[in-house]
Amino acid sequence: MGKSAVMSLRLKPELGSRIERLASAVDRPKNWIVEQALEEYLDRESWQVAQIKQGLAEAEAGDFASEAKVAAFKRKHLK
């Protein structure tokens, strides 16, 4: 394991309690719980930002679905 960065933060009391309860329930340190939560959050948000940027680039390039593709999608998914 590499070096760890030390970070201090303030939490709402209930959030701190939830972290403590979960850490106790799964027999893990609180910092492990927080690291897992942050990794999942950062992965999800990074993916979402990348998808938005890709969509904007496609829109700026004029790469839109045709009316026929939109109609086919509606028939299939919006019954």
N, C-alpha and C. Protein backbone atom coordinates (compact mmCIF):
# COMPACT_ATOMS: atom_id res chain seq x y z
N MET A 1 0.85 -1.18 0.00
CA MET A 1 0.00 0.00 0.00
C MET A 1 0.88 1.24 0.00
N GLY A 2 0.54 2.22 -0.84
CA GLY A 2 1.31 3.45 -0.94
C GLY A 2 1.01 4.40 0.21
N LYS A 3 1.61 5.55 0.12
CA LYS A 3 1.38 6.56 1.14
C LYS A 3 -0.07 7.04 1.09
N SER A 4 -0.55 7.45 2.24
CA SER A 4 -1.92 7.96 2.34
C SER A 4 -1.88 9.47 2.50
N ALA A 5 -2.86 10.13 1.94
CA ALA A 5 -3.03 11.56 2.15
C ALA A 5 -3.90 11.74 3.39
N VAL A 6 -3.55 12.69 4.20
CA VAL A 6 -4.34 12.97 5.39
C VAL A 6 -5.25 14.14 5.08
N MET A 7 -6.55 13.96 5.42
CA MET A 7 -7.53 14.99 5.15
C MET A 7 -8.43 15.13 6.37
N SER A 8 -8.77 16.34 6.65
CA SER A 8 -9.69 16.60 7.76
C SER A 8 -10.96 17.21 7.19
N LEU A 9 -12.10 16.79 7.72
CA LEU A 9 -13.35 17.36 7.25
C LEU A 9 -14.37 17.39 8.38
N ARG A 10 -15.34 18.26 8.21
CA ARG A 10 -16.44 18.37 9.17
C ARG A 10 -17.66 17.67 8.59
N LEU A 11 -18.32 16.88 9.44
CA LEU A 11 -19.50 16.15 9.02
C LEU A 11 -20.68 16.53 9.91
N LYS A 12 -21.86 16.41 9.34
CA LYS A 12 -23.06 16.52 10.16
C LYS A 12 -23.01 15.37 11.17
N PRO A 13 -23.44 15.61 12.40
CA PRO A 13 -23.38 14.55 13.42
C PRO A 13 -24.04 13.25 12.98
N GLU A 14 -25.19 13.32 12.31
CA GLU A 14 -25.88 12.10 11.89
C GLU A 14 -25.05 11.33 10.86
N LEU A 15 -24.38 12.03 9.97
CA LEU A 15 -23.54 11.35 8.98
C LEU A 15 -22.38 10.63 9.67
N GLY A 16 -21.77 11.30 10.63
CA GLY A 16 -20.70 10.66 11.39
C GLY A 16 -21.19 9.42 12.12
N SER A 17 -22.38 9.50 12.67
CA SER A 17 -22.96 8.35 13.37
C SER A 17 -23.24 7.20 12.40
N ARG A 18 -23.72 7.54 11.23
CA ARG A 18 -23.99 6.50 10.23
C ARG A 18 -22.71 5.79 9.82
N ILE A 19 -21.64 6.56 9.66
CA ILE A 19 -20.34 5.96 9.30
C ILE A 19 -19.88 5.04 10.42
N GLU A 20 -19.99 5.49 11.65
CA GLU A 20 -19.59 4.67 12.79
C GLU A 20 -20.40 3.39 12.87
N ARG A 21 -21.72 3.48 12.68
CA ARG A 21 -22.57 2.29 12.76
C ARG A 21 -22.23 1.29 11.66
N LEU A 22 -22.03 1.79 10.46
CA LEU A 22 -21.70 0.89 9.36
C LEU A 22 -20.33 0.26 9.56
N ALA A 23 -19.36 1.04 9.98
CA ALA A 23 -18.02 0.51 10.23
C ALA A 23 -18.07 -0.60 11.27
N SER A 24 -18.85 -0.38 12.29
CA SER A 24 -18.99 -1.40 13.34
C SER A 24 -19.68 -2.64 12.80
N ALA A 25 -20.72 -2.45 12.00
CA ALA A 25 -21.49 -3.58 11.47
C ALA A 25 -20.66 -4.46 10.54
N VAL A 26 -19.76 -3.86 9.78
CA VAL A 26 -18.96 -4.64 8.82
C VAL A 26 -17.54 -4.89 9.31
N ASP A 27 -17.28 -4.46 10.55
CA ASP A 27 -15.98 -4.67 11.19
C ASP A 27 -14.83 -4.11 10.34
N ARG A 28 -15.01 -2.87 9.94
CA ARG A 28 -14.00 -2.15 9.15
C ARG A 28 -13.75 -0.81 9.82
N PRO A 29 -12.57 -0.22 9.58
CA PRO A 29 -12.31 1.12 10.11
C PRO A 29 -13.19 2.17 9.42
N LYS A 30 -13.44 3.25 10.13
CA LYS A 30 -14.26 4.32 9.55
C LYS A 30 -13.63 4.88 8.29
N ASN A 31 -12.29 5.02 8.27
CA ASN A 31 -11.67 5.57 7.07
C ASN A 31 -11.88 4.66 5.85
N TRP A 32 -12.00 3.34 6.05
CA TRP A 32 -12.26 2.43 4.95
C TRP A 32 -13.65 2.71 4.37
N ILE A 33 -14.63 2.91 5.26
CA ILE A 33 -16.00 3.20 4.82
C ILE A 33 -16.01 4.49 3.99
N VAL A 34 -15.34 5.51 4.49
CA VAL A 34 -15.32 6.81 3.80
C VAL A 34 -14.60 6.69 2.46
N GLU A 35 -13.47 5.97 2.43
CA GLU A 35 -12.75 5.79 1.16
C GLU A 35 -13.62 5.07 0.13
N GLN A 36 -14.32 4.02 0.55
CA GLN A 36 -15.19 3.29 -0.38
C GLN A 36 -16.28 4.20 -0.93
N ALA A 37 -16.89 4.97 -0.04
CA ALA A 37 -17.96 5.87 -0.47
C ALA A 37 -17.43 6.92 -1.44
N LEU A 38 -16.27 7.49 -1.14
CA LEU A 38 -15.70 8.51 -2.03
C LEU A 38 -15.32 7.92 -3.38
N GLU A 39 -14.73 6.73 -3.38
CA GLU A 39 -14.36 6.11 -4.66
C GLU A 39 -15.59 5.87 -5.53
N GLU A 40 -16.65 5.33 -4.94
CA GLU A 40 -17.87 5.09 -5.70
C GLU A 40 -18.46 6.39 -6.22
N TYR A 41 -18.50 7.41 -5.38
CA TYR A 41 -19.04 8.71 -5.79
C TYR A 41 -18.22 9.30 -6.93
N LEU A 42 -16.90 9.31 -6.77
CA LEU A 42 -16.04 9.90 -7.79
C LEU A 42 -16.11 9.14 -9.11
N ASP A 43 -16.16 7.81 -9.05
CA ASP A 43 -16.31 7.02 -10.27
C ASP A 43 -17.61 7.36 -10.99
N ARG A 44 -18.71 7.41 -10.23
CA ARG A 44 -20.02 7.69 -10.83
C ARG A 44 -20.08 9.10 -11.40
N GLU A 45 -19.61 10.08 -10.66
CA GLU A 45 -19.67 11.46 -11.13
C GLU A 45 -18.75 11.68 -12.33
N SER A 46 -17.57 11.06 -12.31
CA SER A 46 -16.64 11.19 -13.45
C SER A 46 -17.26 10.61 -14.70
N TRP A 47 -17.92 9.45 -14.57
CA TRP A 47 -18.58 8.82 -15.71
C TRP A 47 -19.68 9.75 -16.24
N GLN A 48 -20.46 10.32 -15.32
CA GLN A 48 -21.56 11.18 -15.75
C GLN A 48 -21.05 12.43 -16.46
N VAL A 49 -20.02 13.04 -15.95
CA VAL A 49 -19.45 14.24 -16.59
C VAL A 49 -18.92 13.88 -17.98
N ALA A 50 -18.26 12.73 -18.10
CA ALA A 50 -17.74 12.31 -19.41
C ALA A 50 -18.88 12.09 -20.40
N GLN A 51 -19.98 11.48 -19.94
CA GLN A 51 -21.12 11.24 -20.82
C GLN A 51 -21.77 12.56 -21.26
N ILE A 52 -21.86 13.50 -20.35
CA ILE A 52 -22.43 14.81 -20.70
C ILE A 52 -21.56 15.51 -21.73
N LYS A 53 -20.24 15.49 -21.51
CA LYS A 53 -19.32 16.12 -22.46
C LYS A 53 -19.42 15.46 -23.83
N GLN A 54 -19.53 14.14 -23.85
CA GLN A 54 -19.67 13.43 -25.12
C GLN A 54 -20.96 13.83 -25.82
N GLY A 55 -22.05 13.90 -25.06
CA GLY A 55 -23.33 14.30 -25.63
C GLY A 55 -23.30 15.71 -26.19
N LEU A 56 -22.65 16.61 -25.46
CA LEU A 56 -22.53 18.00 -25.94
C LEU A 56 -21.71 18.07 -27.21
N ALA A 57 -20.62 17.30 -27.26
CA ALA A 57 -19.79 17.29 -28.47
C ALA A 57 -20.58 16.75 -29.66
N GLU A 58 -21.37 15.71 -29.43
CA GLU A 58 -22.18 15.16 -30.51
C GLU A 58 -23.23 16.18 -30.97
N ALA A 59 -23.83 16.88 -30.01
CA ALA A 59 -24.84 17.89 -30.37
C ALA A 59 -24.20 19.03 -31.14
N GLU A 60 -23.03 19.47 -30.71
CA GLU A 60 -22.34 20.56 -31.42
C GLU A 60 -21.94 20.15 -32.82
N ALA A 61 -21.69 18.84 -33.01
CA ALA A 61 -21.34 18.34 -34.34
C ALA A 61 -22.58 18.06 -35.19
N GLY A 62 -23.76 18.27 -34.60
CA GLY A 62 -24.99 18.03 -35.34
C GLY A 62 -25.36 16.57 -35.45
N ASP A 63 -24.81 15.75 -34.59
CA ASP A 63 -25.03 14.30 -34.64
C ASP A 63 -26.27 13.95 -33.82
N PHE A 64 -27.44 14.10 -34.43
CA PHE A 64 -28.71 13.84 -33.77
C PHE A 64 -29.37 12.61 -34.37
N ALA A 65 -30.26 11.99 -33.60
CA ALA A 65 -31.02 10.86 -34.12
C ALA A 65 -32.03 11.36 -35.14
N SER A 66 -32.25 10.57 -36.16
CA SER A 66 -33.24 10.93 -37.18
C SER A 66 -34.64 10.78 -36.59
N GLU A 67 -35.62 11.38 -37.26
CA GLU A 67 -37.01 11.27 -36.81
C GLU A 67 -37.45 9.81 -36.81
N ALA A 68 -36.98 9.04 -37.77
CA ALA A 68 -37.35 7.62 -37.85
C ALA A 68 -36.80 6.85 -36.65
N LYS A 69 -35.55 7.13 -36.24
CA LYS A 69 -34.97 6.46 -35.09
C LYS A 69 -35.70 6.84 -33.80
N VAL A 70 -36.08 8.09 -33.68
CA VAL A 70 -36.82 8.54 -32.50
C VAL A 70 -38.18 7.85 -32.45
N ALA A 71 -38.85 7.77 -33.56
CA ALA A 71 -40.16 7.12 -33.62
C ALA A 71 -40.03 5.64 -33.27
N ALA A 72 -39.01 4.97 -33.80
CA ALA A 72 -38.80 3.55 -33.50
C ALA A 72 -38.52 3.35 -32.01
N PHE A 73 -37.75 4.23 -31.41
CA PHE A 73 -37.47 4.16 -29.98
C PHE A 73 -38.75 4.31 -29.17
N LYS A 74 -39.57 5.28 -29.55
CA LYS A 74 -40.83 5.51 -28.84
C LYS A 74 -41.74 4.28 -28.93
N ARG A 75 -41.82 3.70 -30.13
CA ARG A 75 -42.67 2.51 -30.30
C ARG A 75 -42.18 1.36 -29.41
N LYS A 76 -40.90 1.21 -29.31
CA LYS A 76 -40.33 0.10 -28.56
C LYS A 76 -40.40 0.32 -27.04
N HIS A 77 -40.11 1.53 -26.58
CA HIS A 77 -39.91 1.77 -25.15
C HIS A 77 -41.03 2.54 -24.46
N LEU A 78 -41.88 3.22 -25.20
CA LEU A 78 -42.89 4.07 -24.58
C LEU A 78 -44.29 3.61 -24.93
N LYS A 79 -44.56 2.37 -24.65
CA LYS A 79 -45.87 1.81 -24.97
C LYS A 79 -46.90 2.22 -23.97
